[in-house]
All heavy atoms as atom14 arrays in JSON, in Angstrom:
{
  "sequence": "IAVDGGGMTHVVHWDKDDDRLLWAMYDGNEWTKF",
  "atom14_mask": [
    [1, 1, 1, 1, 1, 1, 1, 1, 0, 0, 0, 0, 0, 0],
    [1, 1, 1, 1, 1, 0, 0, 0, 0, 0, 0, 0, 0, 0],
    [1, 1, 1, 1, 1, 1, 1, 0, 0, 0, 0, 0, 0, 0],
    [1, 1, 1, 1, 1, 1, 1, 1, 0, 0, 0, 0, 0, 0],
    [1, 1, 1, 1, 0, 0, 0, 0, 0, 0, 0, 0, 0, 0],
    [1, 1, 1, 1, 0, 0, 0, 0, 0, 0, 0, 0, 0, 0],
    [1, 1, 1, 1, 0, 0, 0, 0, 0, 0, 0, 0, 0, 0],
    [1, 1, 1, 1, 1, 1, 1, 1, 0, 0, 0, 0, 0, 0],
    [1, 1, 1, 1, 1, 1, 1, 0, 0, 0, 0, 0, 0, 0],
    [1, 1, 1, 1, 1, 1, 1, 1, 1, 1, 0, 0, 0, 0],
    [1, 1, 1, 1, 1, 1, 1, 0, 0, 0, 0, 0, 0, 0],
    [1, 1, 1, 1, 1, 1, 1, 0, 0, 0, 0, 0, 0, 0],
    [1, 1, 1, 1, 1, 1, 1, 1, 1, 1, 0, 0, 0, 0],
    [1, 1, 1, 1, 1, 1, 1, 1, 1, 1, 1, 1, 1, 1],
    [1, 1, 1, 1, 1, 1, 1, 1, 0, 0, 0, 0, 0, 0],
    [1, 1, 1, 1, 1, 1, 1, 1, 1, 0, 0, 0, 0, 0],
    [1, 1, 1, 1, 1, 1, 1, 1, 0, 0, 0, 0, 0, 0],
    [1, 1, 1, 1, 1, 1, 1, 1, 0, 0, 0, 0, 0, 0],
    [1, 1, 1, 1, 1, 1, 1, 1, 0, 0, 0, 0, 0, 0],
    [1, 1, 1, 1, 1, 1, 1, 1, 1, 1, 1, 0, 0, 0],
    [1, 1, 1, 1, 1, 1, 1, 1, 0, 0, 0, 0, 0, 0],
    [1, 1, 1, 1, 1, 1, 1, 1, 0, 0, 0, 0, 0, 0],
    [1, 1, 1, 1, 1, 1, 1, 1, 1, 1, 1, 1, 1, 1],
    [1, 1, 1, 1, 1, 0, 0, 0, 0, 0, 0, 0, 0, 0],
    [1, 1, 1, 1, 1, 1, 1, 1, 0, 0, 0, 0, 0, 0],
    [1, 1, 1, 1, 1, 1, 1, 1, 1, 1, 1, 1, 0, 0],
    [1, 1, 1, 1, 1, 1, 1, 1, 0, 0, 0, 0, 0, 0],
    [1, 1, 1, 1, 0, 0, 0, 0, 0, 0, 0, 0, 0, 0],
    [1, 1, 1, 1, 1, 1, 1, 1, 0, 0, 0, 0, 0, 0],
    [1, 1, 1, 1, 1, 1, 1, 1, 1, 0, 0, 0, 0, 0],
    [1, 1, 1, 1, 1, 1, 1, 1, 1, 1, 1, 1, 1, 1],
    [1, 1, 1, 1, 1, 1, 1, 0, 0, 0, 0, 0, 0, 0],
    [1, 1, 1, 1, 1, 1, 1, 1, 1, 0, 0, 0, 0, 0],
    [1, 1, 1, 1, 1, 1, 1, 1, 1, 1, 1, 0, 0, 0]
  ],
  "atom14_positions": [
    [[-56.0, -58.25, 9.03], [-54.66, -58.75, 9.28], [-53.79, -58.59, 8.03], [-54.29, -58.66, 6.91], [-54.7, -60.23, 9.74], [-53.34, -60.72, 10.2], [-55.24, -61.12, 8.64], [-53.39, -62.07, 10.88], [0.0, 0.0, 0.0], [0.0, 0.0, 0.0], [0.0, 0.0, 0.0], [0.0, 0.0, 0.0], [0.0, 0.0, 0.0], [0.0, 0.0, 0.0]],
    [[-52.48, -58.37, 8.23], [-51.52, -58.32, 7.13], [-50.16, -58.73, 7.67], [-49.86, -58.55, 8.85], [-51.44, -56.92, 6.51], [0.0, 0.0, 0.0], [0.0, 0.0, 0.0], [0.0, 0.0, 0.0], [0.0, 0.0, 0.0], [0.0, 0.0, 0.0], [0.0, 0.0, 0.0], [0.0, 0.0, 0.0], [0.0, 0.0, 0.0], [0.0, 0.0, 0.0]],
    [[-49.32, -59.28, 6.79], [-47.96, -59.67, 7.13], [-47.0, -58.81, 6.32], [-47.15, -58.69, 5.1], [-47.71, -61.16, 6.85], [-46.27, -61.54, 7.18], [-48.68, -62.02, 7.64], [0.0, 0.0, 0.0], [0.0, 0.0, 0.0], [0.0, 0.0, 0.0], [0.0, 0.0, 0.0], [0.0, 0.0, 0.0], [0.0, 0.0, 0.0], [0.0, 0.0, 0.0]],
    [[-46.03, -58.18, 6.99], [-45.12, -57.28, 6.28], [-43.96, -58.04, 5.66], [-43.84, -59.27, 5.77], [-44.65, -56.14, 7.19], [-43.73, -56.6, 8.33], [-43.07, -57.64, 8.2], [-43.68, -55.87, 9.35], [0.0, 0.0, 0.0], [0.0, 0.0, 0.0], [0.0, 0.0, 0.0], [0.0, 0.0, 0.0], [0.0, 0.0, 0.0], [0.0, 0.0, 0.0]],
    [[-43.07, -57.29, 4.98], [-41.96, -57.91, 4.27], [-40.95, -58.61, 5.16], [-40.19, -59.46, 4.7], [0.0, 0.0, 0.0], [0.0, 0.0, 0.0], [0.0, 0.0, 0.0], [0.0, 0.0, 0.0], [0.0, 0.0, 0.0], [0.0, 0.0, 0.0], [0.0, 0.0, 0.0], [0.0, 0.0, 0.0], [0.0, 0.0, 0.0], [0.0, 0.0, 0.0]],
    [[-40.95, -58.27, 6.45], [-40.06, -58.91, 7.39], [-40.68, -60.07, 8.14], [-40.06, -60.63, 9.04], [0.0, 0.0, 0.0], [0.0, 0.0, 0.0], [0.0, 0.0, 0.0], [0.0, 0.0, 0.0], [0.0, 0.0, 0.0], [0.0, 0.0, 0.0], [0.0, 0.0, 0.0], [0.0, 0.0, 0.0], [0.0, 0.0, 0.0], [0.0, 0.0, 0.0]],
    [[-41.9, -60.43, 7.77], [-42.58, -61.55, 8.41], [-43.35, -61.19, 9.66], [-43.89, -62.08, 10.32], [0.0, 0.0, 0.0], [0.0, 0.0, 0.0], [0.0, 0.0, 0.0], [0.0, 0.0, 0.0], [0.0, 0.0, 0.0], [0.0, 0.0, 0.0], [0.0, 0.0, 0.0], [0.0, 0.0, 0.0], [0.0, 0.0, 0.0], [0.0, 0.0, 0.0]],
    [[-43.43, -59.9, 10.01], [-44.19, -59.47, 11.18], [-45.69, -59.48, 10.87], [-46.11, -59.02, 9.79], [-43.79, -58.07, 11.63], [-42.32, -57.91, 11.9], [-41.8, -58.83, 13.36], [-40.13, -58.22, 13.55], [0.0, 0.0, 0.0], [0.0, 0.0, 0.0], [0.0, 0.0, 0.0], [0.0, 0.0, 0.0], [0.0, 0.0, 0.0], [0.0, 0.0, 0.0]],
    [[-46.47, -59.96, 11.81], [-47.93, -60.0, 11.65], [-48.55, -58.76, 12.28], [-48.27, -58.43, 13.43], [-48.52, -61.25, 12.31], [-47.93, -62.41, 11.71], [-50.02, -61.31, 12.13], [0.0, 0.0, 0.0], [0.0, 0.0, 0.0], [0.0, 0.0, 0.0], [0.0, 0.0, 0.0], [0.0, 0.0, 0.0], [0.0, 0.0, 0.0], [0.0, 0.0, 0.0]],
    [[-49.4, -58.07, 11.52], [-50.08, -56.87, 11.99], [-51.58, -57.14, 12.04], [-52.14, -57.73, 11.11], [-49.83, -55.69, 11.06], [-48.39, -55.33, 10.9], [-47.83, -54.2, 11.48], [-47.38, -55.95, 10.23], [-46.55, -54.14, 11.16], [-46.25, -55.18, 10.4], [0.0, 0.0, 0.0], [0.0, 0.0, 0.0], [0.0, 0.0, 0.0], [0.0, 0.0, 0.0]],
    [[-52.24, -56.69, 13.11], [-53.69, -56.81, 13.26], [-54.25, -55.46, 13.68], [-53.68, -54.79, 14.55], [-54.05, -57.87, 14.34], [-55.56, -57.95, 14.53], [-53.5, -59.24, 13.97], [0.0, 0.0, 0.0], [0.0, 0.0, 0.0], [0.0, 0.0, 0.0], [0.0, 0.0, 0.0], [0.0, 0.0, 0.0], [0.0, 0.0, 0.0], [0.0, 0.0, 0.0]],
    [[-55.37, -55.06, 13.07], [-56.06, -53.83, 13.48], [-57.53, -54.15, 13.71], [-58.08, -55.05, 13.09], [-55.93, -52.7, 12.44], [-54.5, -52.21, 12.33], [-56.48, -53.11, 11.08], [0.0, 0.0, 0.0], [0.0, 0.0, 0.0], [0.0, 0.0, 0.0], [0.0, 0.0, 0.0], [0.0, 0.0, 0.0], [0.0, 0.0, 0.0], [0.0, 0.0, 0.0]],
    [[-58.16, -53.38, 14.59], [-59.6, -53.51, 14.78], [-60.14, -52.3, 15.51], [-59.38, -51.5, 16.09], [-59.95, -54.8, 15.53], [-59.6, -54.78, 16.98], [-60.5, -54.44, 17.96], [-58.44, -55.03, 17.63], [-59.91, -54.5, 19.14], [-58.66, -54.86, 18.97], [0.0, 0.0, 0.0], [0.0, 0.0, 0.0], [0.0, 0.0, 0.0], [0.0, 0.0, 0.0]],
    [[-61.44, -52.16, 15.47], [-62.14, -51.08, 16.13], [-62.52, -51.49, 17.55], [-63.18, -52.5, 17.75], [-63.38, -50.72, 15.34], [-64.25, -49.63, 15.91], [-63.83, -48.45, 16.45], [-65.68, -49.63, 15.98], [-64.91, -47.69, 16.84], [-66.06, -48.38, 16.56], [-66.67, -50.51, 15.58], [-67.4, -48.05, 16.78], [-67.99, -50.17, 15.79], [-68.34, -48.95, 16.38]],
    [[-62.08, -50.71, 18.52], [-62.51, -50.88, 19.9], [-63.81, -50.08, 20.06], [-63.79, -48.87, 20.25], [-61.43, -50.34, 20.85], [-61.81, -50.48, 22.32], [-62.99, -50.78, 22.62], [-60.94, -50.27, 23.18], [0.0, 0.0, 0.0], [0.0, 0.0, 0.0], [0.0, 0.0, 0.0], [0.0, 0.0, 0.0], [0.0, 0.0, 0.0], [0.0, 0.0, 0.0]],
    [[-64.93, -50.78, 19.97], [-66.23, -50.11, 19.95], [-66.51, -49.37, 21.25], [-67.06, -48.26, 21.24], [-67.34, -51.14, 19.68], [-68.73, -50.54, 19.58], [-69.76, -51.61, 19.25], [-71.16, -51.02, 19.15], [-72.15, -52.09, 18.84], [0.0, 0.0, 0.0], [0.0, 0.0, 0.0], [0.0, 0.0, 0.0], [0.0, 0.0, 0.0], [0.0, 0.0, 0.0]],
    [[-66.15, -49.96, 22.38], [-66.45, -49.34, 23.67], [-65.79, -47.98, 23.83], [-66.4, -47.03, 24.33], [-66.01, -50.27, 24.81], [-66.87, -51.51, 24.92], [-68.0, -51.5, 24.38], [-66.4, -52.5, 25.51], [0.0, 0.0, 0.0], [0.0, 0.0, 0.0], [0.0, 0.0, 0.0], [0.0, 0.0, 0.0], [0.0, 0.0, 0.0], [0.0, 0.0, 0.0]],
    [[-64.53, -47.86, 23.4], [-63.8, -46.61, 23.54], [-63.72, -45.83, 22.23], [-63.09, -44.77, 22.18], [-62.38, -46.88, 24.05], [-62.37, -47.42, 25.47], [-63.25, -47.02, 26.25], [-61.5, -48.25, 25.78], [0.0, 0.0, 0.0], [0.0, 0.0, 0.0], [0.0, 0.0, 0.0], [0.0, 0.0, 0.0], [0.0, 0.0, 0.0], [0.0, 0.0, 0.0]],
    [[-64.35, -46.35, 21.17], [-64.36, -45.73, 19.85], [-62.95, -45.31, 19.44], [-62.63, -44.13, 19.26], [-65.3, -44.52, 19.81], [-65.46, -43.98, 18.39], [-65.4, -44.78, 17.45], [-65.64, -42.75, 18.23], [0.0, 0.0, 0.0], [0.0, 0.0, 0.0], [0.0, 0.0, 0.0], [0.0, 0.0, 0.0], [0.0, 0.0, 0.0], [0.0, 0.0, 0.0]],
    [[-62.09, -46.29, 19.25], [-60.71, -46.03, 18.84], [-60.21, -47.18, 17.98], [-60.75, -48.3, 18.02], [-59.79, -45.86, 20.05], [-59.78, -47.06, 20.98], [-58.84, -46.89, 22.15], [-58.9, -48.03, 23.04], [-57.94, -48.36, 23.91], [-56.85, -47.61, 23.99], [-58.07, -49.43, 24.68], [0.0, 0.0, 0.0], [0.0, 0.0, 0.0], [0.0, 0.0, 0.0]],
    [[-59.2, -46.89, 17.17], [-58.58, -47.89, 16.31], [-57.37, -48.46, 17.01], [-56.46, -47.72, 17.4], [-58.17, -47.24, 14.99], [-57.42, -48.13, 13.99], [-58.33, -49.23, 13.45], [-56.86, -47.28, 12.84], [0.0, 0.0, 0.0], [0.0, 0.0, 0.0], [0.0, 0.0, 0.0], [0.0, 0.0, 0.0], [0.0, 0.0, 0.0], [0.0, 0.0, 0.0]],
    [[-57.34, -49.78, 17.17], [-56.23, -50.46, 17.85], [-55.4, -51.25, 16.84], [-55.93, -51.82, 15.89], [-56.76, -51.4, 18.93], [-57.54, -50.74, 20.07], [-57.97, -51.8, 21.07], [-56.71, -49.66, 20.76], [0.0, 0.0, 0.0], [0.0, 0.0, 0.0], [0.0, 0.0, 0.0], [0.0, 0.0, 0.0], [0.0, 0.0, 0.0], [0.0, 0.0, 0.0]],
    [[-54.1, -51.29, 17.09], [-53.15, -52.01, 16.25], [-52.27, -52.87, 17.14], [-51.9, -52.49, 18.25], [-52.29, -51.01, 15.49], [-51.04, -51.58, 14.87], [-50.92, -52.23, 13.68], [-49.71, -51.51, 15.41], [-49.61, -52.57, 13.45], [-48.84, -52.13, 14.49], [-49.18, -50.96, 16.58], [-47.47, -52.24, 14.72], [-47.81, -51.08, 16.8], [-46.98, -51.7, 15.88]],
    [[-51.94, -54.05, 16.63], [-51.0, -54.93, 17.33], [-50.07, -55.56, 16.3], [-50.46, -55.83, 15.16], [-51.75, -56.02, 18.1], [0.0, 0.0, 0.0], [0.0, 0.0, 0.0], [0.0, 0.0, 0.0], [0.0, 0.0, 0.0], [0.0, 0.0, 0.0], [0.0, 0.0, 0.0], [0.0, 0.0, 0.0], [0.0, 0.0, 0.0], [0.0, 0.0, 0.0]],
    [[-48.81, -55.81, 16.71], [-47.83, -56.45, 15.84], [-47.16, -57.59, 16.6], [-46.77, -57.43, 17.77], [-46.76, -55.45, 15.38], [-45.73, -56.06, 14.44], [-44.5, -54.84, 13.87], [-43.58, -54.57, 15.4], [0.0, 0.0, 0.0], [0.0, 0.0, 0.0], [0.0, 0.0, 0.0], [0.0, 0.0, 0.0], [0.0, 0.0, 0.0], [0.0, 0.0, 0.0]],
    [[-47.04, -58.74, 15.93], [-46.46, -59.93, 16.54], [-45.13, -60.25, 15.86], [-45.06, -60.39, 14.63], [-47.42, -61.1, 16.38], [-46.98, -62.35, 17.11], [-46.85, -62.36, 18.5], [-46.73, -63.53, 16.41], [-46.46, -63.51, 19.17], [-46.34, -64.68, 17.08], [-46.21, -64.66, 18.46], [-45.83, -65.8, 19.12], [0.0, 0.0, 0.0], [0.0, 0.0, 0.0]],
    [[-44.05, -60.33, 16.64], [-42.72, -60.57, 16.08], [-42.29, -62.03, 16.18], [-41.13, -62.37, 15.92], [-41.69, -59.68, 16.78], [-41.54, -59.98, 18.28], [-42.16, -60.96, 18.76], [-40.82, -59.23, 18.95], [0.0, 0.0, 0.0], [0.0, 0.0, 0.0], [0.0, 0.0, 0.0], [0.0, 0.0, 0.0], [0.0, 0.0, 0.0], [0.0, 0.0, 0.0]],
    [[-43.22, -62.9, 16.54], [-42.9, -64.31, 16.7], [-42.78, -64.72, 18.15], [-42.85, -65.92, 18.47], [0.0, 0.0, 0.0], [0.0, 0.0, 0.0], [0.0, 0.0, 0.0], [0.0, 0.0, 0.0], [0.0, 0.0, 0.0], [0.0, 0.0, 0.0], [0.0, 0.0, 0.0], [0.0, 0.0, 0.0], [0.0, 0.0, 0.0], [0.0, 0.0, 0.0]],
    [[-42.62, -63.73, 19.04], [-42.5, -64.01, 20.47], [-43.54, -63.28, 21.31], [-44.08, -63.85, 22.26], [-41.1, -63.62, 20.96], [-40.0, -64.46, 20.34], [-40.03, -65.68, 20.44], [-39.04, -63.81, 19.7], [0.0, 0.0, 0.0], [0.0, 0.0, 0.0], [0.0, 0.0, 0.0], [0.0, 0.0, 0.0], [0.0, 0.0, 0.0], [0.0, 0.0, 0.0]],
    [[-43.82, -62.04, 20.97], [-44.77, -61.27, 21.76], [-45.46, -60.22, 20.9], [-45.0, -59.88, 19.81], [-44.07, -60.58, 22.93], [-42.98, -59.6, 22.52], [-42.27, -58.97, 23.7], [-42.64, -59.3, 24.84], [-41.37, -58.14, 23.48], [0.0, 0.0, 0.0], [0.0, 0.0, 0.0], [0.0, 0.0, 0.0], [0.0, 0.0, 0.0], [0.0, 0.0, 0.0]],
    [[-46.57, -59.71, 21.43], [-47.36, -58.69, 20.76], [-46.98, -57.3, 21.28], [-46.82, -57.1, 22.47], [-48.85, -58.9, 21.01], [-49.43, -60.05, 20.26], [-49.63, -61.31, 20.72], [-49.89, -60.03, 18.9], [-50.19, -62.1, 19.74], [-50.35, -61.34, 18.61], [-49.94, -59.05, 17.92], [-50.86, -61.68, 17.36], [-50.45, -59.39, 16.68], [-50.91, -60.69, 16.41]],
    [[-46.85, -56.37, 20.33], [-46.74, -54.95, 20.65], [-48.08, -54.32, 20.29], [-48.57, -54.5, 19.18], [-45.63, -54.28, 19.82], [-44.39, -54.91, 20.12], [-45.53, -52.8, 20.14], [0.0, 0.0, 0.0], [0.0, 0.0, 0.0], [0.0, 0.0, 0.0], [0.0, 0.0, 0.0], [0.0, 0.0, 0.0], [0.0, 0.0, 0.0], [0.0, 0.0, 0.0]],
    [[-48.69, -53.58, 21.23], [-50.03, -53.03, 21.01], [-50.04, -51.53, 21.23], [-49.43, -51.03, 22.17], [-51.03, -53.68, 21.97], [-51.02, -55.2, 21.97], [-51.92, -55.76, 23.06], [-51.65, -57.21, 23.32], [-52.44, -57.74, 24.45], [0.0, 0.0, 0.0], [0.0, 0.0, 0.0], [0.0, 0.0, 0.0], [0.0, 0.0, 0.0], [0.0, 0.0, 0.0]],
    [[-50.75, -50.82, 20.34], [-50.88, -49.38, 20.44], [-52.27, -48.94, 19.99], [-52.95, -49.66, 19.26], [-49.85, -48.66, 19.56], [-48.45, -48.65, 20.1], [-47.51, -49.53, 19.61], [-48.08, -47.76, 21.09], [-46.21, -49.53, 20.1], [-46.79, -47.75, 21.59], [-45.85, -48.63, 21.09], [0.0, 0.0, 0.0], [0.0, 0.0, 0.0], [0.0, 0.0, 0.0]]
  ]
}
């Protein structure tokens, strides 16, 4: 996890089942996931 200069929270992790790197960002109201 890391918090950027604008206060957005970022989370990354490994999706073991699909062998891919996932990222999510929280703006205080909802998560954006890619």
